[in-house]
Protein backbone atom coordinates (compact mmCIF):
# COMPACT_ATOMS: atom_id res chain seq x y z
CA UNK A 1 197.82 31.38 73.37
CA UNK A 2 195.46 32.69 70.71
CA UNK A 3 192.55 30.82 72.31
CA UNK A 4 193.19 32.48 75.69
CA UNK A 5 193.29 35.89 74.03
CA UNK A 6 189.91 35.29 72.34
CA UNK A 7 188.39 34.25 75.65
CA UNK A 8 189.69 37.34 77.40
CA UNK A 9 188.36 39.57 74.63
CA UNK A 10 184.91 37.96 74.95
CA UNK A 11 185.02 38.48 78.72
CA UNK A 12 185.79 42.22 78.43
CA UNK A 13 183.09 42.61 75.76
CA UNK A 14 180.57 41.03 78.12
CA UNK A 15 181.55 43.43 80.94
CA UNK A 16 181.14 46.46 78.64
CA UNK A 17 177.75 45.19 77.44
CA UNK A 18 176.60 44.80 81.07
CA UNK A 19 177.67 48.36 81.89
CA UNK A 20 175.82 49.77 78.84
CA UNK A 21 172.71 47.80 79.81
CA UNK A 22 172.83 49.18 83.39
CA UNK A 23 173.20 52.78 82.16
CA UNK A 24 170.28 52.44 79.74
CA UNK A 25 168.05 50.98 82.46
CA UNK A 26 168.95 53.79 84.90
CA UNK A 27 167.93 56.36 82.24
CA UNK A 28 164.68 54.53 81.51
CA UNK A 29 165.71 53.48 78.03
CA UNK A 30 164.80 50.19 76.39
CA UNK A 31 167.79 47.87 76.12
CA UNK A 32 168.69 44.28 75.38
CA UNK A 33 170.71 42.26 77.90
CA UNK A 34 174.05 40.78 76.77
CA UNK A 35 173.82 37.31 75.28
CA UNK A 36 176.16 34.53 76.34
CA UNK A 37 177.10 32.58 73.25
CA UNK A 38 176.29 28.89 73.27
CA UNK A 39 179.77 28.14 71.94
CA UNK A 40 181.34 29.60 75.06
CA UNK A 41 179.05 27.53 77.25
CA UNK A 42 179.83 24.41 75.34
CA UNK A 43 183.58 24.92 75.59
CA UNK A 44 183.34 25.73 79.27
CA UNK A 45 181.30 22.58 79.96
CA UNK A 46 183.75 20.51 78.00
CA UNK A 47 186.67 21.85 80.03
CA UNK A 48 184.79 21.47 83.32
CA UNK A 49 183.97 17.82 82.85
CA UNK A 50 187.12 16.82 81.01
CA UNK A 51 188.75 15.55 84.21
CA UNK A 52 185.61 13.90 85.63
CA UNK A 53 186.10 10.29 86.75
CA UNK A 54 182.37 9.39 86.29
CA UNK A 55 181.81 7.01 83.41
CA UNK A 56 178.02 6.38 83.80
CA UNK A 57 174.81 8.29 84.71
CA UNK A 58 173.20 8.12 88.14
CA UNK A 59 170.26 5.70 88.13
CA UNK A 60 167.16 6.27 90.31
CA UNK A 61 165.38 3.01 91.23
CA UNK A 62 161.84 2.27 92.41
CA UNK A 63 163.10 1.75 95.92
CA UNK A 64 164.50 5.28 95.96
CA UNK A 65 161.04 6.83 95.24
CA UNK A 66 158.85 4.31 97.07
CA UNK A 67 158.78 6.13 100.42
CA UNK A 68 157.91 9.51 98.91
CA UNK A 69 155.20 8.07 96.68
CA UNK A 70 153.62 6.21 99.61
CA UNK A 71 153.55 9.43 101.62
CA UNK A 72 151.84 11.55 98.95
CA UNK A 73 149.52 9.01 97.28
CA UNK A 74 146.57 10.03 99.51
CA UNK A 75 146.82 13.59 98.13
CA UNK A 76 144.93 15.63 95.57
CA UNK A 77 146.16 18.39 93.29
CA UNK A 78 143.80 21.35 92.91
CA UNK A 79 143.61 24.91 91.70
CA UNK A 80 140.91 27.55 91.45
CA UNK A 81 139.96 28.36 87.88
CA UNK A 82 140.37 32.07 87.27
CA UNK A 83 141.93 32.88 90.66
CA UNK A 84 145.16 32.34 92.63
CA UNK A 85 144.26 32.53 96.34
CA UNK A 86 147.05 32.73 98.96
CA UNK A 87 148.05 29.54 100.75
CA UNK A 88 146.56 30.68 104.07
CA UNK A 89 143.17 31.34 102.43
CA UNK A 90 143.11 27.94 100.75
CA UNK A 91 144.09 26.23 104.01
CA UNK A 92 141.04 27.76 105.70
CA UNK A 93 138.87 26.78 102.74
CA UNK A 94 140.16 23.19 102.96
CA UNK A 95 139.41 22.97 106.69
CA UNK A 96 135.86 24.25 106.19
CA UNK A 97 135.17 21.90 103.30
CA UNK A 98 136.72 18.68 104.62
CA UNK A 99 137.03 19.41 108.36
CA UNK A 100 139.55 16.96 109.89
CA UNK A 101 140.16 14.87 106.78
CA UNK A 102 143.04 16.97 105.43
CA UNK A 103 146.43 16.70 107.09
CA UNK A 104 148.59 19.05 105.10
CA UNK A 105 148.10 21.79 102.49
CA UNK A 106 150.99 23.09 100.43
CA UNK A 107 151.60 25.20 97.33
CA UNK A 108 153.60 23.30 94.72
CA UNK A 109 153.66 26.23 92.28
CA UNK A 110 151.89 29.55 91.78
CA UNK A 111 148.16 28.86 92.08
CA UNK A 112 148.70 25.08 92.34
CA UNK A 113 148.03 23.35 95.67
CA UNK A 114 148.69 19.87 97.01
CA UNK A 115 146.35 18.65 99.76
CA UNK A 116 147.25 15.46 101.64
CA UNK A 117 144.48 13.55 103.44
CA UNK A 118 144.70 11.18 106.37
CA UNK A 119 143.90 8.16 104.22
CA UNK A 120 143.18 7.12 100.65
CA UNK A 121 139.55 6.47 101.69
CA UNK A 122 139.16 10.12 102.72
CA UNK A 123 140.70 11.24 99.43
CA UNK A 124 138.32 9.05 97.41
CA UNK A 125 135.30 10.46 99.28
CA UNK A 126 136.38 13.98 98.38
CA UNK A 127 136.81 13.02 94.73
CA UNK A 128 133.30 11.47 94.66
CA UNK A 129 131.71 14.70 95.91
CA UNK A 130 131.98 16.12 92.42
CA UNK A 131 132.74 19.74 91.69
CA UNK A 132 133.14 22.35 94.41
CA UNK A 133 133.36 26.13 94.13
CA UNK A 134 135.61 28.70 95.76
CA UNK A 135 134.08 32.18 95.77
CA UNK A 136 131.76 31.12 92.90
CA UNK A 137 134.74 29.85 90.88
CA UNK A 138 135.15 26.16 90.05
CA UNK A 139 137.91 24.24 91.82
CA UNK A 140 139.59 21.69 89.58
CA UNK A 141 140.52 18.60 91.63
CA UNK A 142 142.48 15.54 90.59
CA UNK A 143 144.18 12.76 92.50
CA UNK A 144 147.94 13.15 92.69
CA UNK A 145 149.76 11.00 90.14
CA UNK A 146 153.56 10.66 90.40
CA UNK A 147 153.77 10.19 86.62
CA UNK A 148 151.91 13.39 85.67
CA UNK A 149 153.07 16.99 85.93
CA UNK A 150 149.82 18.96 86.23
CA UNK A 151 149.62 22.21 84.32
CA UNK A 152 146.76 24.63 83.93
CA UNK A 153 147.16 24.77 80.20
CA UNK A 154 146.35 21.04 80.03
CA UNK A 155 142.76 21.68 81.24
CA UNK A 156 140.34 21.73 78.33
CA UNK A 157 136.99 21.03 80.09
CA UNK A 158 135.74 22.93 83.15
CA UNK A 159 132.53 22.94 85.23
CA UNK A 160 130.29 26.00 85.34
CA UNK A 161 126.91 26.79 86.86
CA UNK A 162 124.36 28.07 84.35
CA UNK A 163 121.39 30.26 85.31
CA UNK A 164 118.45 30.04 82.89
CA UNK A 165 116.67 33.38 83.12
CA UNK A 166 113.10 33.87 81.89
CA UNK A 167 112.47 30.11 81.59
CA UNK A 168 108.83 29.17 82.23
CA UNK A 169 108.26 27.21 85.44
CA UNK A 170 106.82 24.19 83.64
CA UNK A 171 110.24 23.54 82.07
CA UNK A 172 112.06 23.41 85.44
CA UNK A 173 111.82 19.61 85.69
CA UNK A 174 115.11 17.70 85.55
CA UNK A 175 114.25 16.03 82.21
CA UNK A 176 113.44 19.34 80.51
CA UNK A 177 116.45 21.17 81.96
CA UNK A 178 118.89 18.48 80.84
CA UNK A 179 117.50 18.61 77.30
CA UNK A 180 117.64 22.40 77.15
CA UNK A 181 121.09 22.87 78.70
CA UNK A 182 122.52 19.95 76.73
CA UNK A 183 122.88 22.34 73.80
CA UNK A 184 125.62 24.21 75.69
CA UNK A 185 127.59 21.44 77.41
CA UNK A 186 127.43 18.11 79.22
CA UNK A 187 124.87 18.24 82.08
CA UNK A 188 126.27 17.07 85.43
CA UNK A 189 123.55 17.81 87.95
CA UNK A 190 120.61 20.10 88.66
CA UNK A 191 121.09 22.44 91.61
CA UNK A 192 119.64 21.09 94.86
CA UNK A 193 117.54 24.22 95.43
CA UNK A 194 116.04 23.80 91.95
CA UNK A 195 115.29 20.11 92.61
CA UNK A 196 113.53 20.90 95.89
CA UNK A 197 111.75 23.91 94.32
CA UNK A 198 113.02 26.16 97.12
CA UNK A 199 114.24 29.06 94.96
CA UNK A 200 111.98 30.12 92.11
CA UNK A 201 114.05 32.99 90.71
CA UNK A 202 115.72 30.91 88.00
CA UNK A 203 116.84 27.28 87.60
CA UNK A 204 120.51 26.39 88.10
CA UNK A 205 122.33 23.55 86.35
CA UNK A 206 125.96 22.43 86.65
CA UNK A 207 127.50 21.50 83.30
CA UNK A 208 130.88 20.71 81.78
CA UNK A 209 131.96 22.94 78.91
CA UNK A 210 135.00 23.13 76.68
CA UNK A 211 137.29 26.13 77.06
CA UNK A 212 137.70 26.22 73.30
CA UNK A 213 133.95 26.51 72.65
CA UNK A 214 132.04 29.74 72.11
CA UNK A 215 129.09 30.12 74.47
CA UNK A 216 125.68 31.32 73.22
CA UNK A 217 123.92 34.39 74.62
CA UNK A 218 120.54 32.77 74.00
CA UNK A 219 119.36 29.15 74.16
CA UNK A 220 116.49 28.26 71.82
CA UNK A 221 114.34 25.16 72.00
CA UNK A 222 111.07 23.96 70.56
CA UNK A 223 108.32 23.62 73.15
CA UNK A 224 105.42 21.18 73.09
CA UNK A 225 103.50 23.43 70.67
CA UNK A 226 106.45 24.49 68.54
CA UNK A 227 105.70 22.15 65.64
CA UNK A 228 102.14 23.44 65.31
CA UNK A 229 103.11 27.12 65.20
CA UNK A 230 106.10 26.56 62.90
CA UNK A 231 104.02 24.57 60.42
CA UNK A 232 101.26 27.19 60.54
CA UNK A 233 103.72 29.97 59.71
CA UNK A 234 104.96 27.98 56.74
CA UNK A 235 101.36 27.60 55.49
CA UNK A 236 100.66 31.35 55.47
CA UNK A 237 98.92 32.25 52.21
CA UNK A 238 97.62 35.40 50.52
CA UNK A 239 94.38 33.85 49.26
CA UNK A 240 91.22 33.53 51.36
CA UNK A 241 92.25 31.57 54.43
CA UNK A 242 90.10 30.48 57.38
CA UNK A 243 91.61 28.63 60.35
CA UNK A 244 89.37 27.15 63.04
CA UNK A 245 90.22 24.75 65.85
CA UNK A 246 90.81 24.38 69.58
CA UNK A 247 94.17 26.17 69.86
CA UNK A 248 94.42 25.56 73.62
CA UNK A 249 96.10 28.94 73.96
CA UNK A 250 95.20 32.61 74.35
CA UNK A 251 96.25 35.85 72.66
CA UNK A 252 95.40 38.31 75.46
CA UNK A 253 95.19 38.18 79.24
CA UNK A 254 91.44 38.90 79.34
CA UNK A 255 90.77 35.63 77.50
CA UNK A 256 91.32 33.64 80.71
CA UNK A 257 89.70 34.46 84.07
CA UNK A 258 89.41 32.75 87.44
CA UNK A 259 90.91 32.55 90.93
CA UNK A 260 94.06 30.63 90.05
CA UNK A 261 94.99 31.87 86.62
CA UNK A 262 98.46 32.31 85.22
CA UNK A 263 98.39 35.14 82.73
CA UNK A 264 101.31 33.84 80.66
CA UNK A 265 100.58 34.51 76.99
CA UNK A 266 102.39 32.19 74.60
CA UNK A 267 104.68 34.26 72.42
CA UNK A 268 104.85 31.43 69.85
CA UNK A 269 101.10 31.42 69.23
CA UNK A 270 100.90 35.21 69.15
CA UNK A 271 103.89 35.47 66.79
CA UNK A 272 102.33 32.87 64.51
CA UNK A 273 99.04 34.80 64.28
CA UNK A 274 100.87 38.06 63.56
CA UNK A 275 103.16 36.46 60.97
CA UNK A 276 100.21 34.93 59.12
CA UNK A 277 98.26 38.24 59.42
CA UNK A 278 95.20 36.54 60.91
CA UNK A 279 92.40 38.07 62.98
CA UNK A 280 89.43 36.71 64.92
CA UNK A 281 86.23 36.41 62.93
CA UNK A 282 83.23 38.12 64.54
CA UNK A 283 81.47 35.61 66.78
CA UNK A 284 78.30 35.23 68.84
CA UNK A 285 77.32 33.08 71.84
CA UNK A 286 79.68 32.70 74.80
CA UNK A 287 83.02 34.48 74.78
CA UNK A 288 84.64 31.75 76.88
CA UNK A 289 84.52 28.33 75.27
CA UNK A 290 86.08 26.21 78.03
CA UNK A 291 85.85 25.78 81.80
CA UNK A 292 87.64 23.42 84.20
CA UNK A 293 84.44 23.07 86.32
CA UNK A 294 86.40 23.18 89.60
CA UNK A 295 83.98 25.05 91.88
CA UNK A 296 85.65 27.98 93.64
CA UNK A 297 88.82 27.34 91.61
CA UNK A 298 86.93 27.50 88.33
CA UNK A 299 88.73 28.95 85.33
CA UNK A 300 87.14 30.19 82.12
CA UNK A 301 89.18 30.42 78.93
CA UNK A 302 88.75 31.21 75.25
CA UNK A 303 90.58 28.38 73.52
CA UNK A 304 88.26 27.78 70.52
CA UNK A 305 88.54 30.43 67.89
CA UNK A 306 88.15 31.09 64.17
CA UNK A 307 90.88 33.15 62.49
CA UNK A 308 90.92 34.55 58.97
CA UNK A 309 93.12 36.76 56.81
CA UNK A 310 92.10 40.03 55.18
CA UNK A 311 91.28 38.41 51.85
CA UNK A 312 88.71 36.17 53.52
CA UNK A 313 87.12 39.18 55.32
CA UNK A 314 86.84 40.99 51.96
CA UNK A 315 85.02 38.02 50.42
CA UNK A 316 82.72 37.36 53.42
CA UNK A 317 82.20 40.72 55.19
CA UNK A 318 78.98 39.70 57.02
CA UNK A 319 80.10 36.27 58.24
CA UNK A 320 79.82 35.41 61.93
CA UNK A 321 80.94 32.47 64.04
CA UNK A 322 78.68 30.54 66.35
CA UNK A 323 80.46 28.08 68.59
CA UNK A 324 79.07 24.75 69.84
CA UNK A 325 77.49 23.76 66.52
CA UNK A 326 79.81 20.83 65.85
CA UNK A 327 77.26 18.26 67.01
CA UNK A 328 74.58 19.62 64.70
CA UNK A 329 76.91 19.48 61.71
CA UNK A 330 78.16 16.00 62.63
CA UNK A 331 74.59 14.69 62.99
CA UNK A 332 73.58 15.93 59.53
CA UNK A 333 76.78 14.73 57.89
CA UNK A 334 76.41 11.24 59.32
CA UNK A 335 72.99 10.74 57.65
CA UNK A 336 72.85 8.08 54.97
CA UNK A 337 72.18 9.49 51.46
CA UNK A 338 72.15 7.30 48.33
CA UNK A 339 73.49 8.50 44.99
CA UNK A 340 76.69 9.77 43.49
CA UNK A 341 79.31 11.51 45.62
CA UNK A 342 78.30 14.93 44.34
CA UNK A 343 74.60 14.23 44.97
CA UNK A 344 75.37 13.09 48.53
CA UNK A 345 77.43 16.22 49.17
CA UNK A 346 74.75 18.62 47.83
CA UNK A 347 71.98 16.80 49.74
CA UNK A 348 73.85 17.08 53.02
CA UNK A 349 74.50 20.77 52.46
CA UNK A 350 70.76 21.28 51.81
CA UNK A 351 69.85 19.48 55.04
CA UNK A 352 72.50 21.43 56.95
CA UNK A 353 70.99 24.67 55.67
CA UNK A 354 67.76 23.89 57.50
CA UNK A 355 69.66 23.26 60.71
CA UNK A 356 71.44 26.60 60.43
CA UNK A 357 68.17 28.39 59.77
CA UNK A 358 66.74 26.96 62.97
CA UNK A 359 69.94 27.92 64.81
CA UNK A 360 69.70 31.46 63.51
CA UNK A 361 66.02 31.69 64.49
CA UNK A 362 66.79 30.43 67.98
CA UNK A 363 69.72 32.72 68.76
CA UNK A 364 69.34 35.79 66.56
CA UNK A 365 65.59 36.23 65.94
CA UNK A 366 65.16 38.59 68.89
CA UNK A 367 68.60 39.79 69.85
CA UNK A 368 67.48 43.02 71.65
CA UNK A 369 64.98 41.09 73.76
CA UNK A 370 67.62 38.47 74.67
CA UNK A 371 69.97 41.23 75.86
CA UNK A 372 67.21 42.78 77.99
CA UNK A 373 66.34 39.41 79.56
CA UNK A 374 69.99 38.72 80.34
CA UNK A 375 70.30 42.19 81.92
CA UNK A 376 67.22 41.70 84.10
CA UNK A 377 68.41 38.33 85.32
CA UNK A 378 71.87 39.75 86.08
CA UNK A 379 70.34 42.67 88.02
CA UNK A 380 68.34 40.21 90.11
CA UNK A 381 71.43 38.14 90.96
CA UNK A 382 73.46 41.24 91.81
CA UNK A 383 70.68 42.59 94.07
CA UNK A 384 70.77 39.35 96.04
CA UNK A 385 74.57 39.50 96.20
CA UNK A 386 74.54 43.09 97.52
CA UNK A 387 72.43 41.92 100.48
CA UNK A 388 74.99 39.24 101.37
CA UNK A 389 78.28 40.11 99.57
CA UNK A 390 80.36 37.43 101.34
CA UNK A 391 78.06 34.57 100.35
CA UNK A 392 80.19 32.31 98.10
CA UNK A 393 77.16 30.54 96.55
CA UNK A 394 75.69 33.87 95.46
CA UNK A 395 79.06 34.90 94.05
CA UNK A 396 79.05 31.80 91.88
CA UNK A 397 75.41 32.33 90.86
CA UNK A 398 76.22 35.88 89.76
CA UNK A 399 79.19 34.84 87.59
CA UNK A 400 77.28 32.89 84.94
CA UNK A 401 74.60 35.59 84.30
CA UNK A 402 77.33 38.21 84.07
CA UNK A 403 79.12 36.27 81.34
CA UNK A 404 75.81 35.57 79.58
CA UNK A 405 74.86 39.25 79.64
CA UNK A 406 78.28 40.28 78.24
CA UNK A 407 77.81 37.84 75.36
CA UNK A 408 74.22 39.00 74.73
CA UNK A 409 75.29 42.64 74.78
CA UNK A 410 78.05 41.91 72.28
CA UNK A 411 75.52 40.17 70.03
CA UNK A 412 73.30 43.21 70.23
CA UNK A 413 76.13 45.56 69.28
CA UNK A 414 77.09 43.31 66.37
CA UNK A 415 73.46 43.20 65.28
CA UNK A 416 73.31 47.01 65.21
């Protein structure tokens, strides 16, 4: 009797709580719904099943599930990452992608779709295609497994397409791209348009990335000259410092001319020179120190240079550079001299002094006259070119005197 009274009291309390909850909701107030106590549920379940005649659980056998598994085993489970398209939209997408291979498309849960194909062979072909995209969003595809309940939260790795902006064209090869993009995720494939070199806006690469990983805003890598420039920056000194070599690079666009020239200035080389506070030493002779000798496609470039810091300029204010004297120095230094090491060194310097005197006499003895001769010869070539301006041979003949006159005029200005 007491137990029945307690149950009735709990029932009336529940009705009153429901009424209060409804009133609060109608007035726009925040409220908590009534809670059904687990003890009540337990007692009710006990009473409900107390007269049950069942003594054992129902057992599902393999034979019971065989037919359903056979029907759905040629299916895939898929969903669009970051989107939940309607069933009708995904049905159209499936028909466009796989034409007559799919037999049935259904939604198993919100955003989750089950696509059944005509055969297991058709399903396997779709799985081998790799990743596909729906409205630029990756579609995650897996074969249906009766033992697995697919959930979106179980996905930890997803495919994405990466666009590499501002990457120089020479790094667009598949080997270079895989190395560069490998810092972000696992490379899957290079975009077909990038492979065929059809679109030159930016390279595209498909990669797998972890959802738990932070993605960089900038990808850094060391190019084929990176070691040279990094080591040079580390060697920067405050004492007198002179650096001379074939750098195979330019600092400004006017240091490379020709018909087919790419005016891409290496930022690494320029940054290295600025970091080390180096400047070009005053030079004579030709401004351009290299040519590809390719006829009408000829390119001239200044790749040999001598750089020095301010301390060196303070110690040697009148120094000048004359290129193409390596052979003269090598010839003197290879001469056989007997005696101690110091005697050999001093003797070779004395012999080299005579060579430099002759070099100075040859190139700088009459600098004004050399500039006038170069100007006269250039005027003669340009007069001939004006008579026949479309003559390619005359265009080529005029190029060399023009460069020679520019160098002679610079020498004259330096001399003054």
